[in-house]
Amino acid sequence: MSLPYFDEFNRKILSFLQRNGSMSQRELSQHINLSPNACWNRLQALKKKGIVLGQTVRLDREKLGLGLVVFVMVKTRNHSGAWLTKF
C-alpha cells in the first residue's frame, strides 16, 4: 500500500534514523538533501501520524557488565496477587 505522505524523503528520514536515532536534525537534513526546517517538519508529521513512535539508545551490555539476558516464561494455574507476591 502506497501512502501519500510516504515519499522518498520520508523513506530516507526513516532509514537514517533507524541506523542512528540520535542523529541531529542538521546531520539528517544534510544526508537527505533537505533544509533542517523541512526535515524537522517531516519528522514531526511522521510522529503525529504514529509512524515514528519514539527514539531509543542501544547500549553495549558487556561494557556495562550486564552480560547475559534471559527471558523466562512461567505457567501457573494461580493468578492471584498473593501468589505473585510469594513467587
PDB file of N, CA and C in Angstrom:
ATOM      1  N   MET A   1       0.852  -1.181   0.000  1.00  0.00           N
ATOM      2  CA  MET A   1       0.000   0.000   0.000  1.00  0.00           C
ATOM      3  C   MET A   1       0.888   1.232   0.000  1.00  0.00           C
ATOM      4  N   SER A   2       0.665   2.141  -0.915  1.00  0.00           N
ATOM      5  CA  SER A   2       1.448   3.362  -1.003  1.00  0.00           C
ATOM      6  C   SER A   2       0.714   4.493  -0.295  1.00  0.00           C
ATOM      7  N   LEU A   3       1.343   5.043   0.714  1.00  0.00           N
ATOM      8  CA  LEU A   3       0.735   6.137   1.461  1.00  0.00           C
ATOM      9  C   LEU A   3       1.196   7.461   0.875  1.00  0.00           C
ATOM     10  N   PRO A   4       0.319   8.449   0.741  1.00  0.00           N
ATOM     11  CA  PRO A   4       0.676   9.704   0.080  1.00  0.00           C
ATOM     12  C   PRO A   4       1.803  10.462   0.773  1.00  0.00           C
ATOM     13  N   TYR A   5       1.947  10.334   2.081  1.00  0.00           N
ATOM     14  CA  TYR A   5       2.985  11.064   2.811  1.00  0.00           C
ATOM     15  C   TYR A   5       4.272  10.245   2.937  1.00  0.00           C
ATOM     16  N   PHE A   6       4.299   9.073   2.308  1.00  0.00           N
ATOM     17  CA  PHE A   6       5.451   8.195   2.425  1.00  0.00           C
ATOM     18  C   PHE A   6       6.269   8.259   1.143  1.00  0.00           C
ATOM     19  N   ASP A   7       6.876   9.406   0.895  1.00  0.00           N
ATOM     20  CA  ASP A   7       7.660   9.601  -0.316  1.00  0.00           C
ATOM     21  C   ASP A   7       9.130   9.260  -0.060  1.00  0.00           C
ATOM     22  N   GLU A   8       9.974   9.534  -1.042  1.00  0.00           N
ATOM     23  CA  GLU A   8      11.394   9.180  -0.944  1.00  0.00           C
ATOM     24  C   GLU A   8      12.094   9.903   0.210  1.00  0.00           C
ATOM     25  N   PHE A   9      11.754  11.164   0.452  1.00  0.00           N
ATOM     26  CA  PHE A   9      12.374  11.891   1.567  1.00  0.00           C
ATOM     27  C   PHE A   9      12.018  11.247   2.908  1.00  0.00           C
ATOM     28  N   ASN A  10      10.752  10.891   3.073  1.00  0.00           N
ATOM     29  CA  ASN A  10      10.337  10.260   4.333  1.00  0.00           C
ATOM     30  C   ASN A  10      10.988   8.887   4.497  1.00  0.00           C
ATOM     31  N   ARG A  11      11.123   8.158   3.398  1.00  0.00           N
ATOM     32  CA  ARG A  11      11.815   6.861   3.466  1.00  0.00           C
ATOM     33  C   ARG A  11      13.258   7.051   3.931  1.00  0.00           C
ATOM     34  N   LYS A  12      13.920   8.072   3.390  1.00  0.00           N
ATOM     35  CA  LYS A  12      15.308   8.343   3.775  1.00  0.00           C
ATOM     36  C   LYS A  12      15.395   8.758   5.240  1.00  0.00           C
ATOM     37  N   ILE A  13      14.478   9.596   5.682  1.00  0.00           N
ATOM     38  CA  ILE A  13      14.460  10.010   7.093  1.00  0.00           C
ATOM     39  C   ILE A  13      14.366   8.780   7.981  1.00  0.00           C
ATOM     40  N   LEU A  14      13.428   7.900   7.682  1.00  0.00           N
ATOM     41  CA  LEU A  14      13.233   6.700   8.496  1.00  0.00           C
ATOM     42  C   LEU A  14      14.444   5.776   8.433  1.00  0.00           C
ATOM     43  N   SER A  15      15.024   5.649   7.260  1.00  0.00           N
ATOM     44  CA  SER A  15      16.187   4.779   7.098  1.00  0.00           C
ATOM     45  C   SER A  15      17.370   5.270   7.933  1.00  0.00           C
ATOM     46  N   PHE A  16      17.665   6.560   7.853  1.00  0.00           N
ATOM     47  CA  PHE A  16      18.788   7.103   8.618  1.00  0.00           C
ATOM     48  C   PHE A  16      18.524   7.050  10.117  1.00  0.00           C
ATOM     49  N   LEU A  17      17.305   7.353  10.532  1.00  0.00           N
ATOM     50  CA  LEU A  17      17.003   7.332  11.964  1.00  0.00           C
ATOM     51  C   LEU A  17      17.010   5.915  12.531  1.00  0.00           C
ATOM     52  N   GLN A  18      16.671   4.918  11.712  1.00  0.00           N
ATOM     53  CA  GLN A  18      16.754   3.536  12.189  1.00  0.00           C
ATOM     54  C   GLN A  18      18.198   3.149  12.477  1.00  0.00           C
ATOM     55  N   ARG A  19      19.113   3.672  11.696  1.00  0.00           N
ATOM     56  CA  ARG A  19      20.530   3.356  11.896  1.00  0.00           C
ATOM     57  C   ARG A  19      21.156   4.193  13.003  1.00  0.00           C
ATOM     58  N   ASN A  20      20.679   5.431  13.169  1.00  0.00           N
ATOM     59  CA  ASN A  20      21.252   6.319  14.181  1.00  0.00           C
ATOM     60  C   ASN A  20      20.173   7.276  14.669  1.00  0.00           C
ATOM     61  N   GLY A  21      19.436   6.860  15.688  1.00  0.00           N
ATOM     62  CA  GLY A  21      18.328   7.652  16.207  1.00  0.00           C
ATOM     63  C   GLY A  21      18.742   8.928  16.909  1.00  0.00           C
ATOM     64  N   SER A  22      20.041   9.060  17.219  1.00  0.00           N
ATOM     65  CA  SER A  22      20.494  10.270  17.903  1.00  0.00           C
ATOM     66  C   SER A  22      21.089  11.290  16.935  1.00  0.00           C
ATOM     67  N   MET A  23      20.941  11.039  15.644  1.00  0.00           N
ATOM     68  CA  MET A  23      21.454  11.959  14.630  1.00  0.00           C
ATOM     69  C   MET A  23      20.770  13.316  14.764  1.00  0.00           C
ATOM     70  N   SER A  24      21.541  14.391  14.669  1.00  0.00           N
ATOM     71  CA  SER A  24      20.963  15.736  14.775  1.00  0.00           C
ATOM     72  C   SER A  24      20.142  16.059  13.525  1.00  0.00           C
ATOM     73  N   GLN A  25      19.248  17.029  13.663  1.00  0.00           N
ATOM     74  CA  GLN A  25      18.438  17.452  12.511  1.00  0.00           C
ATOM     75  C   GLN A  25      19.332  17.964  11.387  1.00  0.00           C
ATOM     76  N   ARG A  26      20.395  18.661  11.752  1.00  0.00           N
ATOM     77  CA  ARG A  26      21.310  19.203  10.736  1.00  0.00           C
ATOM     78  C   ARG A  26      21.984  18.063   9.958  1.00  0.00           C
ATOM     79  N   GLU A  27      22.489  17.060  10.687  1.00  0.00           N
ATOM     80  CA  GLU A  27      23.112  15.906  10.024  1.00  0.00           C
ATOM     81  C   GLU A  27      22.115  15.186   9.124  1.00  0.00           C
ATOM     82  N   LEU A  28      20.939  14.941   9.663  1.00  0.00           N
ATOM     83  CA  LEU A  28      19.907  14.238   8.911  1.00  0.00           C
ATOM     84  C   LEU A  28      19.547  15.008   7.645  1.00  0.00           C
ATOM     85  N   SER A  29      19.362  16.302   7.776  1.00  0.00           N
ATOM     86  CA  SER A  29      18.980  17.112   6.611  1.00  0.00           C
ATOM     87  C   SER A  29      20.074  17.111   5.549  1.00  0.00           C
ATOM     88  N   GLN A  30      21.338  17.074   5.972  1.00  0.00           N
ATOM     89  CA  GLN A  30      22.439  17.020   5.003  1.00  0.00           C
ATOM     90  C   GLN A  30      22.454  15.682   4.258  1.00  0.00           C
ATOM     91  N   HIS A  31      22.153  14.608   4.961  1.00  0.00           N
ATOM     92  CA  HIS A  31      22.147  13.287   4.328  1.00  0.00           C
ATOM     93  C   HIS A  31      21.030  13.140   3.300  1.00  0.00           C
ATOM     94  N   ILE A  32      19.898  13.791   3.538  1.00  0.00           N
ATOM     95  CA  ILE A  32      18.764  13.597   2.621  1.00  0.00           C
ATOM     96  C   ILE A  32      18.514  14.796   1.712  1.00  0.00           C
ATOM     97  N   ASN A  33      19.398  15.790   1.786  1.00  0.00           N
ATOM     98  CA  ASN A  33      19.323  16.972   0.915  1.00  0.00           C
ATOM     99  C   ASN A  33      18.030  17.760   1.073  1.00  0.00           C
ATOM    100  N   LEU A  34      17.665  18.005   2.328  1.00  0.00           N
ATOM    101  CA  LEU A  34      16.534  18.880   2.659  1.00  0.00           C
ATOM    102  C   LEU A  34      17.024  19.914   3.657  1.00  0.00           C
ATOM    103  N   SER A  35      16.332  21.033   3.749  1.00  0.00           N
ATOM    104  CA  SER A  35      16.694  22.018   4.768  1.00  0.00           C
ATOM    105  C   SER A  35      16.385  21.434   6.146  1.00  0.00           C
ATOM    106  N   PRO A  36      17.109  21.865   7.187  1.00  0.00           N
ATOM    107  CA  PRO A  36      16.814  21.368   8.536  1.00  0.00           C
ATOM    108  C   PRO A  36      15.358  21.586   8.936  1.00  0.00           C
ATOM    109  N   ASN A  37      14.779  22.720   8.543  1.00  0.00           N
ATOM    110  CA  ASN A  37      13.392  23.022   8.887  1.00  0.00           C
ATOM    111  C   ASN A  37      12.426  22.050   8.197  1.00  0.00           C
ATOM    112  N   ALA A  38      12.647  21.797   6.912  1.00  0.00           N
ATOM    113  CA  ALA A  38      11.782  20.865   6.177  1.00  0.00           C
ATOM    114  C   ALA A  38      11.914  19.454   6.745  1.00  0.00           C
ATOM    115  N   CYS A  39      13.129  19.081   7.098  1.00  0.00           N
ATOM    116  CA  CYS A  39      13.373  17.765   7.682  1.00  0.00           C
ATOM    117  C   CYS A  39      12.650  17.643   9.024  1.00  0.00           C
ATOM    118  N   TRP A  40      12.759  18.674   9.859  1.00  0.00           N
ATOM    119  CA  TRP A  40      12.092  18.674  11.168  1.00  0.00           C
ATOM    120  C   TRP A  40      10.577  18.571  10.999  1.00  0.00           C
ATOM    121  N   ASN A  41      10.016  19.333  10.060  1.00  0.00           N
ATOM    122  CA  ASN A  41       8.570  19.297   9.821  1.00  0.00           C
ATOM    123  C   ASN A  41       8.115  17.904   9.390  1.00  0.00           C
ATOM    124  N   ARG A  42       8.887  17.273   8.522  1.00  0.00           N
ATOM    125  CA  ARG A  42       8.536  15.924   8.074  1.00  0.00           C
ATOM    126  C   ARG A  42       8.599  14.930   9.227  1.00  0.00           C
ATOM    127  N   LEU A  43       9.628  15.037  10.060  1.00  0.00           N
ATOM    128  CA  LEU A  43       9.756  14.131  11.198  1.00  0.00           C
ATOM    129  C   LEU A  43       8.601  14.323  12.175  1.00  0.00           C
ATOM    130  N   GLN A  44       8.212  15.566  12.420  1.00  0.00           N
ATOM    131  CA  GLN A  44       7.077  15.832  13.311  1.00  0.00           C
ATOM    132  C   GLN A  44       5.790  15.243  12.738  1.00  0.00           C
ATOM    133  N   ALA A  45       5.611  15.338  11.415  1.00  0.00           N
ATOM    134  CA  ALA A  45       4.416  14.767  10.776  1.00  0.00           C
ATOM    135  C   ALA A  45       4.416  13.243  10.908  1.00  0.00           C
ATOM    136  N   LEU A  46       5.587  12.617  10.759  1.00  0.00           N
ATOM    137  CA  LEU A  46       5.683  11.161  10.914  1.00  0.00           C
ATOM    138  C   LEU A  46       5.375  10.745  12.353  1.00  0.00           C
ATOM    139  N   LYS A  47       5.779  11.569  13.307  1.00  0.00           N
ATOM    140  CA  LYS A  47       5.460  11.289  14.715  1.00  0.00           C
ATOM    141  C   LYS A  47       3.964  11.451  14.960  1.00  0.00           C
ATOM    142  N   LYS A  48       3.383  12.514  14.410  1.00  0.00           N
ATOM    143  CA  LYS A  48       1.958  12.787  14.608  1.00  0.00           C
ATOM    144  C   LYS A  48       1.089  11.678  14.007  1.00  0.00           C
ATOM    145  N   LYS A  49       1.532  11.116  12.879  1.00  0.00           N
ATOM    146  CA  LYS A  49       0.784  10.037  12.221  1.00  0.00           C
ATOM    147  C   LYS A  49       1.020   8.685  12.894  1.00  0.00           C
ATOM    148  N   GLY A  50       1.905   8.660  13.892  1.00  0.00           N
ATOM    149  CA  GLY A  50       2.165   7.421  14.618  1.00  0.00           C
ATOM    150  C   GLY A  50       3.130   6.480  13.924  1.00  0.00           C
ATOM    151  N   ILE A  51       3.834   6.964  12.916  1.00  0.00           N
ATOM    152  CA  ILE A  51       4.812   6.131  12.219  1.00  0.00           C
ATOM    153  C   ILE A  51       6.106   6.056  13.028  1.00  0.00           C
ATOM    154  N   VAL A  52       6.564   7.197  13.521  1.00  0.00           N
ATOM    155  CA  VAL A  52       7.721   7.236  14.422  1.00  0.00           C
ATOM    156  C   VAL A  52       7.162   7.285  15.834  1.00  0.00           C
ATOM    157  N   LEU A  53       7.419   6.224  16.588  1.00  0.00           N
ATOM    158  CA  LEU A  53       6.843   6.108  17.930  1.00  0.00           C
ATOM    159  C   LEU A  53       7.771   6.630  19.014  1.00  0.00           C
ATOM    160  N   GLY A  54       9.026   6.785  18.709  1.00  0.00           N
ATOM    161  CA  GLY A  54       9.983   7.266  19.696  1.00  0.00           C
ATOM    162  C   GLY A  54      11.391   6.980  19.215  1.00  0.00           C
ATOM    163  N   GLN A  55      12.349   7.368  20.011  1.00  0.00           N
ATOM    164  CA  GLN A  55      13.742   7.125  19.679  1.00  0.00           C
ATOM    165  C   GLN A  55      14.395   6.455  20.875  1.00  0.00           C
ATOM    166  N   THR A  56      15.271   5.500  20.604  1.00  0.00           N
ATOM    167  CA  THR A  56      15.903   4.750  21.675  1.00  0.00           C
ATOM    168  C   THR A  56      17.419   4.774  21.530  1.00  0.00           C
ATOM    169  N   VAL A  57      18.077   4.340  22.570  1.00  0.00           N
ATOM    170  CA  VAL A  57      19.529   4.240  22.581  1.00  0.00           C
ATOM    171  C   VAL A  57      19.898   2.777  22.767  1.00  0.00           C
ATOM    172  N   ARG A  58      20.822   2.290  21.974  1.00  0.00           N
ATOM    173  CA  ARG A  58      21.316   0.916  22.133  1.00  0.00           C
ATOM    174  C   ARG A  58      22.547   0.948  23.019  1.00  0.00           C
ATOM    175  N   LEU A  59      22.578   0.066  23.998  1.00  0.00           N
ATOM    176  CA  LEU A  59      23.685   0.010  24.944  1.00  0.00           C
ATOM    177  C   LEU A  59      24.535  -1.229  24.700  1.00  0.00           C
ATOM    178  N   ASP A  60      25.818  -1.124  24.994  1.00  0.00           N
ATOM    179  CA  ASP A  60      26.704  -2.280  24.949  1.00  0.00           C
ATOM    180  C   ASP A  60      26.646  -2.936  26.318  1.00  0.00           C
ATOM    181  N   ARG A  61      25.870  -3.997  26.428  1.00  0.00           N
ATOM    182  CA  ARG A  61      25.625  -4.656  27.716  1.00  0.00           C
ATOM    183  C   ARG A  61      26.906  -5.218  28.321  1.00  0.00           C
ATOM    184  N   GLU A  62      27.811  -5.717  27.493  1.00  0.00           N
ATOM    185  CA  GLU A  62      29.059  -6.275  28.022  1.00  0.00           C
ATOM    186  C   GLU A  62      29.915  -5.202  28.672  1.00  0.00           C
ATOM    187  N   LYS A  63      30.010  -4.035  28.044  1.00  0.00           N
ATOM    188  CA  LYS A  63      30.805  -2.948  28.623  1.00  0.00           C
ATOM    189  C   LYS A  63      30.203  -2.449  29.927  1.00  0.00           C
ATOM    190  N   LEU A  64      28.907  -2.636  30.081  1.00  0.00           N
ATOM    191  CA  LEU A  64      28.238  -2.247  31.325  1.00  0.00           C
ATOM    192  C   LEU A  64      28.284  -3.363  32.365  1.00  0.00           C
ATOM    193  N   GLY A  65      28.852  -4.489  31.993  1.00  0.00           N
ATOM    194  CA  GLY A  65      28.946  -5.611  32.914  1.00  0.00           C
ATOM    195  C   GLY A  65      27.629  -6.346  33.103  1.00  0.00           C
ATOM    196  N   LEU A  66      26.726  -6.223  32.135  1.00  0.00           N
ATOM    197  CA  LEU A  66      25.413  -6.850  32.269  1.00  0.00           C
ATOM    198  C   LEU A  66      25.348  -8.224  31.611  1.00  0.00           C
ATOM    199  N   GLY A  67      26.248  -8.500  30.686  1.00  0.00           N
ATOM    200  CA  GLY A  67      26.375  -9.830  30.108  1.00  0.00           C
ATOM    201  C   GLY A  67      25.111 -10.442  29.539  1.00  0.00           C
ATOM    202  N   LEU A  68      24.729 -11.577  30.101  1.00  0.00           N
ATOM    203  CA  LEU A  68      23.666 -12.414  29.570  1.00  0.00           C
ATOM    204  C   LEU A  68      22.269 -11.885  29.897  1.00  0.00           C
ATOM    205  N   VAL A  69      21.381 -11.936  28.904  1.00  0.00           N
ATOM    206  CA  VAL A  69      19.974 -11.587  29.105  1.00  0.00           C
ATOM    207  C   VAL A  69      19.163 -12.864  28.927  1.00  0.00           C
ATOM    208  N   VAL A  70      18.288 -13.145  29.871  1.00  0.00           N
ATOM    209  CA  VAL A  70      17.488 -14.364  29.827  1.00  0.00           C
ATOM    210  C   VAL A  70      16.017 -14.001  29.960  1.00  0.00           C
ATOM    211  N   PHE A  71      15.181 -14.584  29.103  1.00  0.00           N
ATOM    212  CA  PHE A  71      13.737 -14.427  29.197  1.00  0.00           C
ATOM    213  C   PHE A  71      13.160 -15.752  29.677  1.00  0.00           C
ATOM    214  N   VAL A  72      12.321 -15.706  30.688  1.00  0.00           N
ATOM    215  CA  VAL A  72      11.742 -16.913  31.265  1.00  0.00           C
ATOM    216  C   VAL A  72      10.226 -16.793  31.232  1.00  0.00           C
ATOM    217  N   MET A  73       9.552 -17.882  30.829  1.00  0.00           N
ATOM    218  CA  MET A  73       8.098 -17.902  30.868  1.00  0.00           C
ATOM    219  C   MET A  73       7.679 -18.881  31.960  1.00  0.00           C
ATOM    220  N   VAL A  74       6.789 -18.429  32.821  1.00  0.00           N
ATOM    221  CA  VAL A  74       6.302 -19.263  33.911  1.00  0.00           C
ATOM    222  C   VAL A  74       4.811 -19.479  33.713  1.00  0.00           C
ATOM    223  N   LYS A  75       4.390 -20.738  33.685  1.00  0.00           N
ATOM    224  CA  LYS A  75       2.963 -21.055  33.603  1.00  0.00           C
ATOM    225  C   LYS A  75       2.475 -21.395  34.999  1.00  0.00           C
ATOM    226  N   THR A  76       1.312 -20.890  35.331  1.00  0.00           N
ATOM    227  CA  THR A  76       0.728 -21.174  36.638  1.00  0.00           C
ATOM    228  C   THR A  76      -0.780 -21.276  36.499  1.00  0.00           C
ATOM    229  N   ARG A  77      -1.372 -21.999  37.403  1.00  0.00           N
ATOM    230  CA  ARG A  77      -2.834 -22.079  37.420  1.00  0.00           C
ATOM    231  C   ARG A  77      -3.411 -21.046  38.371  1.00  0.00           C
ATOM    232  N   ASN A  78      -2.554 -20.467  39.183  1.00  0.00           N
ATOM    233  CA  ASN A  78      -2.988 -19.479  40.171  1.00  0.00           C
ATOM    234  C   ASN A  78      -2.573 -18.092  39.686  1.00  0.00           C
ATOM    235  N   HIS A  79      -3.520 -17.186  39.570  1.00  0.00           N
ATOM    236  CA  HIS A  79      -3.239 -15.850  39.046  1.00  0.00           C
ATOM    237  C   HIS A  79      -3.536 -14.756  40.067  1.00  0.00           C
ATOM    238  N   SER A  80      -3.477 -15.095  41.330  1.00  0.00           N
ATOM    239  CA  SER A  80      -3.805 -14.099  42.359  1.00  0.00           C
ATOM    240  C   SER A  80      -2.590 -13.230  42.672  1.00  0.00           C
ATOM    241  N   GLY A  81      -2.860 -12.052  43.191  1.00  0.00           N
ATOM    242  CA  GLY A  81      -1.799 -11.145  43.607  1.00  0.00           C
ATOM    243  C   GLY A  81      -0.958 -11.729  44.726  1.00  0.00           C
ATOM    244  N   ALA A  82      -1.605 -12.460  45.639  1.00  0.00           N
ATOM    245  CA  ALA A  82      -0.882 -13.080  46.757  1.00  0.00           C
ATOM    246  C   ALA A  82       0.123 -14.107  46.236  1.00  0.00           C
ATOM    247  N   TRP A  83      -0.296 -14.916  45.262  1.00  0.00           N
ATOM    248  CA  TRP A  83       0.620 -15.902  44.691  1.00  0.00           C
ATOM    249  C   TRP A  83       1.802 -15.212  44.026  1.00  0.00           C
ATOM    250  N   LEU A  84       1.520 -14.141  43.298  1.00  0.00           N
ATOM    251  CA  LEU A  84       2.579 -13.412  42.611  1.00  0.00           C
ATOM    252  C   LEU A  84       3.579 -12.844  43.606  1.00  0.00           C
ATOM    253  N   THR A  85       3.088 -12.314  44.714  1.00  0.00           N
ATOM    254  CA  THR A  85       3.975 -11.767  45.739  1.00  0.00           C
ATOM    255  C   THR A  85       4.887 -12.856  46.295  1.00  0.00           C
ATOM    256  N   LYS A  86       4.335 -14.034  46.551  1.00  0.00           N
ATOM    257  CA  LYS A  86       5.138 -15.149  47.067  1.00  0.00           C
ATOM    258  C   LYS A  86       6.153 -15.623  46.033  1.00  0.00           C
ATOM    259  N   PHE A  87       5.766 -15.583  44.783  1.00  0.00           N
ATOM    260  CA  PHE A  87       6.641 -16.045  43.708  1.00  0.00           C
ATOM    261  C   PHE A  87       7.870 -15.161  43.626  1.00  0.00           C
TER     262      PHE A  87
END
